[in-house]
Amino acid sequence: MSYQPAENRYGTMRYNRCGRSGLKLPAVSLGWWYNFGGVDSFENARVMARRAFDLGVTHFDLANNYGPPPGSAEETLGRLLRQDFFPYRDELVISTKAGWDMWPGPYGDWGSRKYLLASLDQSLRRLGLEYVDIFYSHRPDPETPMEETMGALDAAVRQGKALYVGISSYSAEQTRAAARILRDLGTPCLIHQPVYNMFNRWVEDGLLEVLEQEGIGCIAFSPLAQGLLTDRYLKGIPPGARASKTERVWLTEKDVTANINKVRKLDALARRSGRSLAQMAIAWALRKPQVTSALIGASSVRQLEDNVAALTHPELGEGELREIEAVLAS
């Protein structure tokens, strides 16, 4: 039987305007960084994607190198689009990125025009799409002129291969420069995707202010600190957890050990207010008016549902925020 999305899928999700654009994003978006690759269960990816859309999560965020292996997350979504989602393509915001190492040689990495536009063509083939909604420069390139990188983003829009463009992990100063170049080209910067969570607050040191001034939206990735801000590590590091892996990871055993006492205190605060720790962490990231969406990952429908349910609770009150700050400062 063909997939029929829930009729009430827009009944509970909150949608926020992305900067000064006409685009709204769900307050919780689904990232395909892990658990949607070629090494993962396709059926699990399918039930998570379907359930996300049923819950009003209309934004699927990818990159050329998501997998593993690189490119396979886009292939998974391409397959799901063909089988389930093509009738609803215009209800979805699909983004991808280029900027990290993708293929051998000098043209498969960083921010050159050659790499970005070639990568986008490859991404579109894997996705089976004529265009993506958002195309990102995944990281700043210290050796390529920013005019070239931003010019490639502008070209992607003018070629009809992307509707909007964005940047990821650019500093406040770099963001201001990128926004100026794109504005002069006539393709404004829609969105910035930085890491942002209770243990990584670098965006508060100038970047959020720049985003507000420039009218750029913010989608915070890793709001759960790669799973540290969940119940996963409260009793130690379970077998197979991300912190136990040795490939390129953003969470290590050392991170868990250094922060676990704070995590346990935060978990107690969350439960006292009737939330899970993950729900409190998502609400905390969304407390900033510049943050359009929290970009979550998921390995199961249960995780997905718990994270999206963060939006069913009242916003964090001033007293709760003070208590969280006290724990983080301890």
C-alpha atoms as a PDB file:
ATOM      1  CA  MET A   1       0.000   0.000   0.000  1.00  0.00           C
ATOM      2  CA  SER A   2       1.368   3.426  -0.913  1.00  0.00           C
ATOM      3  CA  TYR A   3       2.300   5.857   1.836  1.00  0.00           C
ATOM      4  CA  GLN A   4      -0.478   8.182   2.950  1.00  0.00           C
ATOM      5  CA  PRO A   5       0.790  10.890   5.313  1.00  0.00           C
ATOM      6  CA  ALA A   6      -1.227  11.843   8.377  1.00  0.00           C
ATOM      7  CA  GLU A   7      -3.980  14.296   7.536  1.00  0.00           C
ATOM      8  CA  ASN A   8      -3.287  16.286  10.709  1.00  0.00           C
ATOM      9  CA  ARG A   9       0.484  16.608  10.039  1.00  0.00           C
ATOM     10  CA  TYR A  10       0.357  20.392  10.263  1.00  0.00           C
ATOM     11  CA  GLY A  11      -1.827  20.486  13.362  1.00  0.00           C
ATOM     12  CA  THR A  12       0.816  20.610  16.099  1.00  0.00           C
ATOM     13  CA  MET A  13       4.166  21.556  14.566  1.00  0.00           C
ATOM     14  CA  ARG A  14       5.361  25.122  15.010  1.00  0.00           C
ATOM     15  CA  TYR A  15       6.808  26.870  11.943  1.00  0.00           C
ATOM     16  CA  ASN A  16       9.189  29.802  12.279  1.00  0.00           C
ATOM     17  CA  ARG A  17      10.136  32.348   9.658  1.00  0.00           C
ATOM     18  CA  CYS A  18      13.743  31.962   8.547  1.00  0.00           C
ATOM     19  CA  GLY A  19      15.360  35.355   9.061  1.00  0.00           C
ATOM     20  CA  ARG A  20      13.767  37.998   6.848  1.00  0.00           C
ATOM     21  CA  SER A  21      12.886  35.522   4.099  1.00  0.00           C
ATOM     22  CA  GLY A  22       9.517  34.200   3.007  1.00  0.00           C
ATOM     23  CA  LEU A  23      10.445  30.661   4.064  1.00  0.00           C
ATOM     24  CA  LYS A  24       9.240  29.059   7.258  1.00  0.00           C
ATOM     25  CA  LEU A  25      10.916  26.007   8.777  1.00  0.00           C
ATOM     26  CA  PRO A  26       9.596  23.558  11.358  1.00  0.00           C
ATOM     27  CA  ALA A  27      10.899  24.300  14.844  1.00  0.00           C
ATOM     28  CA  VAL A  28      12.380  20.785  14.782  1.00  0.00           C
ATOM     29  CA  SER A  29      14.080  19.577  11.581  1.00  0.00           C
ATOM     30  CA  LEU A  30      15.475  16.121  10.837  1.00  0.00           C
ATOM     31  CA  GLY A  31      19.168  15.733  10.062  1.00  0.00           C
ATOM     32  CA  TRP A  32      20.427  12.781   8.018  1.00  0.00           C
ATOM     33  CA  TRP A  33      24.039  12.888   9.237  1.00  0.00           C
ATOM     34  CA  TYR A  34      23.887   9.431  10.826  1.00  0.00           C
ATOM     35  CA  ASN A  35      21.519   6.425  10.614  1.00  0.00           C
ATOM     36  CA  PHE A  36      20.405   7.009   7.018  1.00  0.00           C
ATOM     37  CA  GLY A  37      23.507   5.729   5.217  1.00  0.00           C
ATOM     38  CA  GLY A  38      24.177   2.683   3.135  1.00  0.00           C
ATOM     39  CA  VAL A  39      25.381   0.749   6.191  1.00  0.00           C
ATOM     40  CA  ASP A  40      22.089   1.406   8.001  1.00  0.00           C
ATOM     41  CA  SER A  41      18.706  -0.255   7.788  1.00  0.00           C
ATOM     42  CA  PHE A  42      16.700   1.215   4.919  1.00  0.00           C
ATOM     43  CA  GLU A  43      13.421   0.187   6.557  1.00  0.00           C
ATOM     44  CA  ASN A  44      14.378   1.999   9.774  1.00  0.00           C
ATOM     45  CA  ALA A  45      15.230   5.109   7.754  1.00  0.00           C
ATOM     46  CA  ARG A  46      11.896   4.785   5.996  1.00  0.00           C
ATOM     47  CA  VAL A  47       9.783   4.550   9.142  1.00  0.00           C
ATOM     48  CA  MET A  48      11.660   7.503  10.687  1.00  0.00           C
ATOM     49  CA  ALA A  49      11.226   9.692   7.581  1.00  0.00           C
ATOM     50  CA  ARG A  50       7.542   8.822   7.322  1.00  0.00           C
ATOM     51  CA  ARG A  51       6.909   9.446  11.006  1.00  0.00           C
ATOM     52  CA  ALA A  52       8.788  12.749  10.870  1.00  0.00           C
ATOM     53  CA  PHE A  53       6.603  13.990   8.027  1.00  0.00           C
ATOM     54  CA  ASP A  54       3.484  12.770   9.823  1.00  0.00           C
ATOM     55  CA  LEU A  55       4.566  14.954  12.771  1.00  0.00           C
ATOM     56  CA  GLY A  56       4.965  18.039  10.580  1.00  0.00           C
ATOM     57  CA  VAL A  57       8.751  17.825  10.206  1.00  0.00           C
ATOM     58  CA  THR A  58       8.930  19.162   6.668  1.00  0.00           C
ATOM     59  CA  HIS A  59      12.678  19.845   6.562  1.00  0.00           C
ATOM     60  CA  PHE A  60      15.170  17.066   5.769  1.00  0.00           C
ATOM     61  CA  ASP A  61      18.801  18.226   6.042  1.00  0.00           C
ATOM     62  CA  LEU A  62      21.622  16.402   4.242  1.00  0.00           C
ATOM     63  CA  ALA A  63      25.140  16.899   2.899  1.00  0.00           C
ATOM     64  CA  ASN A  64      27.123  15.308   0.107  1.00  0.00           C
ATOM     65  CA  ASN A  65      29.271  13.300   2.531  1.00  0.00           C
ATOM     66  CA  TYR A  66      26.546  12.004   4.868  1.00  0.00           C
ATOM     67  CA  GLY A  67      26.400   8.250   5.150  1.00  0.00           C
ATOM     68  CA  PRO A  68      28.479   6.231   5.565  1.00  0.00           C
ATOM     69  CA  PRO A  69      29.606   5.699   2.898  1.00  0.00           C
ATOM     70  CA  PRO A  70      29.667   9.313   1.661  1.00  0.00           C
ATOM     71  CA  GLY A  71      26.712  10.088  -0.594  1.00  0.00           C
ATOM     72  CA  SER A  72      24.579   7.220   0.648  1.00  0.00           C
ATOM     73  CA  ALA A  73      22.256   9.320   2.831  1.00  0.00           C
ATOM     74  CA  GLU A  74      21.277  11.262  -0.299  1.00  0.00           C
ATOM     75  CA  GLU A  75      20.759   7.952  -2.112  1.00  0.00           C
ATOM     76  CA  THR A  76      18.495   6.782   0.714  1.00  0.00           C
ATOM     77  CA  LEU A  77      16.387   9.934   0.477  1.00  0.00           C
ATOM     78  CA  GLY A  78      16.317   9.618  -3.319  1.00  0.00           C
ATOM     79  CA  ARG A  79      14.891   6.126  -2.948  1.00  0.00           C
ATOM     80  CA  LEU A  80      12.344   7.321  -0.397  1.00  0.00           C
ATOM     81  CA  LEU A  81      11.327  10.194  -2.639  1.00  0.00           C
ATOM     82  CA  ARG A  82      10.642   7.771  -5.474  1.00  0.00           C
ATOM     83  CA  GLN A  83       8.738   5.334  -3.277  1.00  0.00           C
ATOM     84  CA  ASP A  84       6.933   7.580  -0.792  1.00  0.00           C
ATOM     85  CA  PHE A  85       7.427  11.317  -0.994  1.00  0.00           C
ATOM     86  CA  PHE A  86       7.347  12.542  -4.586  1.00  0.00           C
ATOM     87  CA  PRO A  87       3.615  13.394  -4.378  1.00  0.00           C
ATOM     88  CA  TYR A  88       4.547  15.640  -1.434  1.00  0.00           C
ATOM     89  CA  ARG A  89       7.774  17.137  -2.798  1.00  0.00           C
ATOM     90  CA  ASP A  90       6.409  20.672  -2.668  1.00  0.00           C
ATOM     91  CA  GLU A  91       5.594  20.218   1.033  1.00  0.00           C
ATOM     92  CA  LEU A  92       9.232  19.407   1.822  1.00  0.00           C
ATOM     93  CA  VAL A  93      12.333  21.533   2.298  1.00  0.00           C
ATOM     94  CA  ILE A  94      15.361  19.474   1.274  1.00  0.00           C
ATOM     95  CA  SER A  95      18.843  20.839   1.853  1.00  0.00           C
ATOM     96  CA  THR A  96      22.323  19.611   1.048  1.00  0.00           C
ATOM     97  CA  LYS A  97      25.862  20.904   1.425  1.00  0.00           C
ATOM     98  CA  ALA A  98      29.385  20.719   0.065  1.00  0.00           C
ATOM     99  CA  GLY A  99      32.635  21.699   1.738  1.00  0.00           C
ATOM    100  CA  TRP A 100      34.120  18.639   3.417  1.00  0.00           C
ATOM    101  CA  ASP A 101      36.217  15.972   1.690  1.00  0.00           C
ATOM    102  CA  MET A 102      34.107  14.001  -0.762  1.00  0.00           C
ATOM    103  CA  TRP A 103      36.330  12.536  -3.499  1.00  0.00           C
ATOM    104  CA  PRO A 104      40.104  12.217  -4.064  1.00  0.00           C
ATOM    105  CA  GLY A 105      42.261  14.952  -5.479  1.00  0.00           C
ATOM    106  CA  PRO A 106      42.316  18.740  -5.194  1.00  0.00           C
ATOM    107  CA  TYR A 107      38.780  19.278  -6.537  1.00  0.00           C
ATOM    108  CA  GLY A 108      36.828  17.182  -4.027  1.00  0.00           C
ATOM    109  CA  ASP A 109      37.059  19.349  -0.929  1.00  0.00           C
ATOM    110  CA  TRP A 110      36.755  22.884   0.480  1.00  0.00           C
ATOM    111  CA  GLY A 111      35.129  25.830  -1.314  1.00  0.00           C
ATOM    112  CA  SER A 112      36.144  26.230  -4.933  1.00  0.00           C
ATOM    113  CA  ARG A 113      33.518  26.929  -7.568  1.00  0.00           C
ATOM    114  CA  LYS A 114      34.532  23.704  -9.345  1.00  0.00           C
ATOM    115  CA  TYR A 115      33.989  21.571  -6.253  1.00  0.00           C
ATOM    116  CA  LEU A 116      30.755  23.159  -5.057  1.00  0.00           C
ATOM    117  CA  LEU A 117      28.930  23.069  -8.381  1.00  0.00           C
ATOM    118  CA  ALA A 118      30.202  19.612  -9.328  1.00  0.00           C
ATOM    119  CA  SER A 119      29.149  18.316  -5.917  1.00  0.00           C
ATOM    120  CA  LEU A 120      25.695  19.821  -6.250  1.00  0.00           C
ATOM    121  CA  ASP A 121      25.222  18.073  -9.600  1.00  0.00           C
ATOM    122  CA  GLN A 122      26.219  14.783  -7.983  1.00  0.00           C
ATOM    123  CA  SER A 123      23.847  15.393  -5.074  1.00  0.00           C
ATOM    124  CA  LEU A 124      20.938  16.088  -7.404  1.00  0.00           C
ATOM    125  CA  ARG A 125      21.604  12.834  -9.251  1.00  0.00           C
ATOM    126  CA  ARG A 126      21.651  10.854  -6.009  1.00  0.00           C
ATOM    127  CA  LEU A 127      18.477  12.548  -4.812  1.00  0.00           C
ATOM    128  CA  GLY A 128      16.735  12.269  -8.169  1.00  0.00           C
ATOM    129  CA  LEU A 129      15.804  15.953  -8.001  1.00  0.00           C
ATOM    130  CA  GLU A 130      16.066  18.905 -10.348  1.00  0.00           C
ATOM    131  CA  TYR A 131      16.756  21.271  -7.455  1.00  0.00           C
ATOM    132  CA  VAL A 132      17.242  21.394  -3.699  1.00  0.00           C
ATOM    133  CA  ASP A 133      15.553  23.987  -1.555  1.00  0.00           C
ATOM    134  CA  ILE A 134      18.751  25.036   0.263  1.00  0.00           C
ATOM    135  CA  PHE A 135      22.367  24.570  -0.822  1.00  0.00           C
ATOM    136  CA  TYR A 136      25.086  25.288   1.742  1.00  0.00           C
ATOM    137  CA  SER A 137      28.757  26.022   1.830  1.00  0.00           C
ATOM    138  CA  HIS A 138      29.471  23.460   4.547  1.00  0.00           C
ATOM    139  CA  ARG A 139      32.518  25.247   5.976  1.00  0.00           C
ATOM    140  CA  PRO A 140      34.648  28.310   5.198  1.00  0.00           C
ATOM    141  CA  ASP A 141      37.703  27.763   3.023  1.00  0.00           C
ATOM    142  CA  PRO A 142      40.752  29.726   4.242  1.00  0.00           C
ATOM    143  CA  GLU A 143      42.468  29.523   0.844  1.00  0.00           C
ATOM    144  CA  THR A 144      39.657  30.202  -1.643  1.00  0.00           C
ATOM    145  CA  PRO A 145      38.453  33.812  -1.997  1.00  0.00           C
ATOM    146  CA  MET A 146      35.061  34.126  -0.378  1.00  0.00           C
ATOM    147  CA  GLU A 147      33.845  35.885  -3.529  1.00  0.00           C
ATOM    148  CA  GLU A 148      34.413  32.640  -5.422  1.00  0.00           C
ATOM    149  CA  THR A 149      32.617  30.439  -2.884  1.00  0.00           C
ATOM    150  CA  MET A 150      29.662  32.802  -2.598  1.00  0.00           C
ATOM    151  CA  GLY A 151      29.637  33.229  -6.379  1.00  0.00           C
ATOM    152  CA  ALA A 152      29.215  29.465  -6.715  1.00  0.00           C
ATOM    153  CA  LEU A 153      26.201  29.566  -4.370  1.00  0.00           C
ATOM    154  CA  ASP A 154      24.719  32.394  -6.418  1.00  0.00           C
ATOM    155  CA  ALA A 155      25.329  30.396  -9.619  1.00  0.00           C
ATOM    156  CA  ALA A 156      23.495  27.391  -8.142  1.00  0.00           C
ATOM    157  CA  VAL A 157      20.396  29.541  -7.691  1.00  0.00           C
ATOM    158  CA  ARG A 158      20.675  31.164 -11.121  1.00  0.00           C
ATOM    159  CA  GLN A 159      21.063  27.735 -12.722  1.00  0.00           C
ATOM    160  CA  GLY A 160      17.820  26.603 -11.082  1.00  0.00           C
ATOM    161  CA  LYS A 161      19.550  23.972  -8.969  1.00  0.00           C
ATOM    162  CA  ALA A 162      18.782  25.579  -5.593  1.00  0.00           C
ATOM    163  CA  LEU A 163      16.086  27.937  -4.358  1.00  0.00           C
ATOM    164  CA  TYR A 164      18.040  29.366  -1.416  1.00  0.00           C
ATOM    165  CA  VAL A 165      21.616  29.293  -0.144  1.00  0.00           C
ATOM    166  CA  GLY A 166      23.210  29.112   3.245  1.00  0.00           C
ATOM    167  CA  ILE A 167      26.490  28.741   5.110  1.00  0.00           C
ATOM    168  CA  SER A 168      27.610  26.507   7.959  1.00  0.00           C
ATOM    169  CA  SER A 169      30.193  27.004  10.706  1.00  0.00           C
ATOM    170  CA  TYR A 170      31.269  30.481   9.513  1.00  0.00           C
ATOM    171  CA  SER A 171      32.454  32.882  12.215  1.00  0.00           C
ATOM    172  CA  ALA A 172      30.591  36.107  12.913  1.00  0.00           C
ATOM    173  CA  GLU A 173      33.079  38.093  10.832  1.00  0.00           C
ATOM    174  CA  GLN A 174      33.011  35.577   7.975  1.00  0.00           C
ATOM    175  CA  THR A 175      29.206  35.516   8.075  1.00  0.00           C
ATOM    176  CA  ARG A 176      28.985  39.278   7.728  1.00  0.00           C
ATOM    177  CA  ALA A 177      31.357  39.200   4.761  1.00  0.00           C
ATOM    178  CA  ALA A 178      29.486  36.322   3.095  1.00  0.00           C
ATOM    179  CA  ALA A 179      26.152  38.064   3.593  1.00  0.00           C
ATOM    180  CA  ARG A 180      27.462  41.245   1.982  1.00  0.00           C
ATOM    181  CA  ILE A 181      28.815  39.414  -1.064  1.00  0.00           C
ATOM    182  CA  LEU A 182      25.630  37.418  -1.557  1.00  0.00           C
ATOM    183  CA  ARG A 183      23.463  40.497  -1.132  1.00  0.00           C
ATOM    184  CA  ASP A 184      25.486  42.325  -3.792  1.00  0.00           C
ATOM    185  CA  LEU A 185      25.068  39.331  -6.123  1.00  0.00           C
ATOM    186  CA  GLY A 186      21.299  39.404  -5.638  1.00  0.00           C
ATOM    187  CA  THR A 187      21.048  36.041  -3.850  1.00  0.00           C
ATOM    188  CA  PRO A 188      20.662  36.791  -0.136  1.00  0.00           C
ATOM    189  CA  CYS A 189      21.979  34.376   2.463  1.00  0.00           C
ATOM    190  CA  LEU A 190      18.965  32.541   3.853  1.00  0.00           C
ATOM    191  CA  ILE A 191      20.395  30.587   6.763  1.00  0.00           C
ATOM    192  CA  HIS A 192      23.403  29.727   8.886  1.00  0.00           C
ATOM    193  CA  GLN A 193      23.900  26.241  10.378  1.00  0.00           C
ATOM    194  CA  PRO A 194      26.193  26.276  13.436  1.00  0.00           C
ATOM    195  CA  VAL A 195      26.649  23.732  16.198  1.00  0.00           C
ATOM    196  CA  TYR A 196      24.821  25.049  19.270  1.00  0.00           C
ATOM    197  CA  ASN A 197      23.980  23.378  22.551  1.00  0.00           C
ATOM    198  CA  MET A 198      24.463  23.824  26.296  1.00  0.00           C
ATOM    199  CA  PHE A 199      28.073  22.648  26.076  1.00  0.00           C
ATOM    200  CA  ASN A 200      28.978  24.572  22.918  1.00  0.00           C
ATOM    201  CA  ARG A 201      27.737  28.171  23.026  1.00  0.00           C
ATOM    202  CA  TRP A 202      30.151  29.866  20.628  1.00  0.00           C
ATOM    203  CA  VAL A 203      27.311  31.403  18.595  1.00  0.00           C
ATOM    204  CA  GLU A 204      26.421  33.635  21.558  1.00  0.00           C
ATOM    205  CA  ASP A 205      29.753  35.447  21.153  1.00  0.00           C
ATOM    206  CA  GLY A 206      28.694  37.666  18.268  1.00  0.00           C
ATOM    207  CA  LEU A 207      27.269  35.322  15.619  1.00  0.00           C
ATOM    208  CA  LEU A 208      23.621  35.483  16.696  1.00  0.00           C
ATOM    209  CA  GLU A 209      23.837  39.280  16.720  1.00  0.00           C
ATOM    210  CA  VAL A 210      25.203  39.281  13.161  1.00  0.00           C
ATOM    211  CA  LEU A 211      22.446  36.918  12.009  1.00  0.00           C
ATOM    212  CA  GLU A 212      19.788  39.197  13.450  1.00  0.00           C
ATOM    213  CA  GLN A 213      21.326  42.292  11.857  1.00  0.00           C
ATOM    214  CA  GLU A 214      21.665  40.597   8.471  1.00  0.00           C
ATOM    215  CA  GLY A 215      18.226  38.968   8.535  1.00  0.00           C
ATOM    216  CA  ILE A 216      19.665  35.450   8.333  1.00  0.00           C
ATOM    217  CA  GLY A 217      17.942  32.491   9.969  1.00  0.00           C
ATOM    218  CA  CYS A 218      19.746  30.049  12.238  1.00  0.00           C
ATOM    219  CA  ILE A 219      19.318  26.277  12.344  1.00  0.00           C
ATOM    220  CA  ALA A 220      21.226  24.794  15.280  1.00  0.00           C
ATOM    221  CA  PHE A 221      22.818  21.431  14.663  1.00  0.00           C
ATOM    222  CA  SER A 222      23.706  19.021  17.477  1.00  0.00           C
ATOM    223  CA  PRO A 223      21.348  20.652  20.019  1.00  0.00           C
ATOM    224  CA  LEU A 224      21.652  17.400  21.997  1.00  0.00           C
ATOM    225  CA  ALA A 225      25.476  17.476  21.910  1.00  0.00           C
ATOM    226  CA  GLN A 226      25.670  14.257  19.877  1.00  0.00           C
ATOM    227  CA  GLY A 227      23.437  12.475  22.387  1.00  0.00           C
ATOM    228  CA  LEU A 228      25.195  13.673  25.538  1.00  0.00           C
ATOM    229  CA  LEU A 229      22.146  15.791  26.432  1.00  0.00           C
ATOM    230  CA  THR A 230      19.850  12.741  26.502  1.00  0.00           C
ATOM    231  CA  ASP A 231      19.367   9.834  28.881  1.00  0.00           C
ATOM    232  CA  ARG A 232      21.779   7.691  26.834  1.00  0.00           C
ATOM    233  CA  TYR A 233      24.888   8.226  28.959  1.00  0.00           C
ATOM    234  CA  LEU A 234      23.399   8.656  32.437  1.00  0.00           C
ATOM    235  CA  LYS A 235      24.602   5.207  33.523  1.00  0.00           C
ATOM    236  CA  GLY A 236      27.811   5.115  31.496  1.00  0.00           C
ATOM    237  CA  ILE A 237      28.672   4.568  27.849  1.00  0.00           C
ATOM    238  CA  PRO A 238      26.525   1.775  26.372  1.00  0.00           C
ATOM    239  CA  PRO A 239      27.932  -0.591  23.720  1.00  0.00           C
ATOM    240  CA  GLY A 240      27.709   0.865  20.218  1.00  0.00           C
ATOM    241  CA  ALA A 241      27.111   4.431  21.431  1.00  0.00           C
ATOM    242  CA  ARG A 242      28.608   7.259  19.399  1.00  0.00           C
ATOM    243  CA  ALA A 243      31.099   8.087  22.146  1.00  0.00           C
ATOM    244  CA  SER A 244      32.557   4.574  21.852  1.00  0.00           C
ATOM    245  CA  LYS A 245      33.383   4.852  18.146  1.00  0.00           C
ATOM    246  CA  THR A 246      36.766   5.755  16.715  1.00  0.00           C
ATOM    247  CA  GLU A 247      35.959   7.178  13.267  1.00  0.00           C
ATOM    248  CA  ARG A 248      35.461  10.953  12.816  1.00  0.00           C
ATOM    249  CA  VAL A 249      33.151  11.744  15.726  1.00  0.00           C
ATOM    250  CA  TRP A 250      32.135  14.811  17.678  1.00  0.00           C
ATOM    251  CA  LEU A 251      31.681  13.043  21.028  1.00  0.00           C
ATOM    252  CA  THR A 252      34.345  11.094  22.896  1.00  0.00           C
ATOM    253  CA  GLU A 253      34.535   9.115  26.128  1.00  0.00           C
ATOM    254  CA  LYS A 254      36.476  12.057  27.548  1.00  0.00           C
ATOM    255  CA  ASP A 255      33.574  14.417  26.762  1.00  0.00           C
ATOM    256  CA  VAL A 256      31.141  12.119  28.537  1.00  0.00           C
ATOM    257  CA  THR A 257      33.351  11.699  31.599  1.00  0.00           C
ATOM    258  CA  ALA A 258      34.012  15.444  31.884  1.00  0.00           C
ATOM    259  CA  ASN A 259      30.348  16.432  31.709  1.00  0.00           C
ATOM    260  CA  ILE A 260      28.350  13.524  33.118  1.00  0.00           C
ATOM    261  CA  ASN A 261      27.779  15.114  36.548  1.00  0.00           C
ATOM    262  CA  LYS A 262      26.274  18.184  34.894  1.00  0.00           C
ATOM    263  CA  VAL A 263      24.237  15.973  32.575  1.00  0.00           C
ATOM    264  CA  ARG A 264      22.752  14.127  35.560  1.00  0.00           C
ATOM    265  CA  LYS A 265      21.862  17.404  37.282  1.00  0.00           C
ATOM    266  CA  LEU A 266      20.276  18.708  34.069  1.00  0.00           C
ATOM    267  CA  ASP A 267      18.323  15.473  33.730  1.00  0.00           C
ATOM    268  CA  ALA A 268      16.917  15.960  37.239  1.00  0.00           C
ATOM    269  CA  LEU A 269      15.897  19.536  36.364  1.00  0.00           C
ATOM    270  CA  ALA A 270      14.182  18.342  33.201  1.00  0.00           C
ATOM    271  CA  ARG A 271      12.248  15.588  34.921  1.00  0.00           C
ATOM    272  CA  ARG A 272      11.101  17.972  37.629  1.00  0.00           C
ATOM    273  CA  SER A 273       9.376  20.021  34.914  1.00  0.00           C
ATOM    274  CA  GLY A 274       7.877  16.941  33.230  1.00  0.00           C
ATOM    275  CA  ARG A 275      10.334  16.934  30.328  1.00  0.00           C
ATOM    276  CA  SER A 276      12.970  14.535  29.133  1.00  0.00           C
ATOM    277  CA  LEU A 277      16.512  15.894  29.107  1.00  0.00           C
ATOM    278  CA  ALA A 278      16.451  15.921  25.294  1.00  0.00           C
ATOM    279  CA  GLN A 279      13.245  17.950  25.299  1.00  0.00           C
ATOM    280  CA  MET A 280      14.734  20.493  27.668  1.00  0.00           C
ATOM    281  CA  ALA A 281      17.897  20.764  25.567  1.00  0.00           C
ATOM    282  CA  ILE A 282      15.872  21.407  22.411  1.00  0.00           C
ATOM    283  CA  ALA A 283      13.727  24.002  24.171  1.00  0.00           C
ATOM    284  CA  TRP A 284      16.906  25.645  25.481  1.00  0.00           C
ATOM    285  CA  ALA A 285      18.366  25.964  21.962  1.00  0.00           C
ATOM    286  CA  LEU A 286      15.097  27.385  20.644  1.00  0.00           C
ATOM    287  CA  ARG A 287      14.873  29.989  23.392  1.00  0.00           C
ATOM    288  CA  LYS A 288      16.940  32.403  21.296  1.00  0.00           C
ATOM    289  CA  PRO A 289      14.725  34.352  18.864  1.00  0.00           C
ATOM    290  CA  GLN A 290      17.350  34.079  16.119  1.00  0.00           C
ATOM    291  CA  VAL A 291      17.142  30.260  16.160  1.00  0.00           C
ATOM    292  CA  THR A 292      14.635  29.206  13.520  1.00  0.00           C
ATOM    293  CA  SER A 293      14.930  25.458  13.993  1.00  0.00           C
ATOM    294  CA  ALA A 294      16.676  22.800  16.057  1.00  0.00           C
ATOM    295  CA  LEU A 295      18.235  20.152  13.831  1.00  0.00           C
ATOM    296  CA  ILE A 296      17.995  16.759  15.467  1.00  0.00           C
ATOM    297  CA  GLY A 297      19.266  13.323  14.549  1.00  0.00           C
ATOM    298  CA  ALA A 298      17.434  10.110  15.318  1.00  0.00           C
ATOM    299  CA  SER A 299      18.091   6.390  15.320  1.00  0.00           C
ATOM    300  CA  SER A 300      14.539   5.303  16.124  1.00  0.00           C
ATOM    301  CA  VAL A 301      10.960   6.491  15.895  1.00  0.00           C
ATOM    302  CA  ARG A 302      10.838   6.630  19.687  1.00  0.00           C
ATOM    303  CA  GLN A 303      13.731   9.106  19.782  1.00  0.00           C
ATOM    304  CA  LEU A 304      12.160  11.167  17.032  1.00  0.00           C
ATOM    305  CA  GLU A 305       8.795  11.353  18.763  1.00  0.00           C
ATOM    306  CA  ASP A 306      10.389  12.286  22.090  1.00  0.00           C
ATOM    307  CA  ASN A 307      12.382  15.096  20.490  1.00  0.00           C
ATOM    308  CA  VAL A 308       9.463  16.562  18.554  1.00  0.00           C
ATOM    309  CA  ALA A 309       7.369  16.411  21.732  1.00  0.00           C
ATOM    310  CA  ALA A 310       9.663  19.121  23.123  1.00  0.00           C
ATOM    311  CA  LEU A 311       7.287  21.522  21.373  1.00  0.00           C
ATOM    312  CA  THR A 312       4.290  20.335  23.396  1.00  0.00           C
ATOM    313  CA  HIS A 313       5.712  21.795  26.614  1.00  0.00           C
ATOM    314  CA  PRO A 314       5.626  25.466  27.622  1.00  0.00           C
ATOM    315  CA  GLU A 315       8.718  27.502  26.854  1.00  0.00           C
ATOM    316  CA  LEU A 316      11.377  27.426  29.542  1.00  0.00           C
ATOM    317  CA  GLY A 317      10.681  29.997  32.221  1.00  0.00           C
ATOM    318  CA  GLU A 318      13.183  32.468  33.642  1.00  0.00           C
ATOM    319  CA  GLY A 319      13.541  30.403  36.798  1.00  0.00           C
ATOM    320  CA  GLU A 320      14.284  27.238  34.828  1.00  0.00           C
ATOM    321  CA  LEU A 321      16.829  29.054  32.671  1.00  0.00           C
ATOM    322  CA  ARG A 322      18.603  30.367  35.780  1.00  0.00           C
ATOM    323  CA  GLU A 323      18.764  26.859  37.215  1.00  0.00           C
ATOM    324  CA  ILE A 324      20.202  25.508  33.972  1.00  0.00           C
ATOM    325  CA  GLU A 325      22.831  28.280  33.931  1.00  0.00           C
ATOM    326  CA  ALA A 326      23.779  27.446  37.519  1.00  0.00           C
ATOM    327  CA  VAL A 327      24.355  23.801  36.618  1.00  0.00           C
ATOM    328  CA  LEU A 328      26.384  24.690  33.525  1.00  0.00           C
ATOM    329  CA  ALA A 329      28.526  27.101  35.556  1.00  0.00           C
ATOM    330  CA  SER A 330      29.167  24.565  38.330  1.00  0.00           C
END
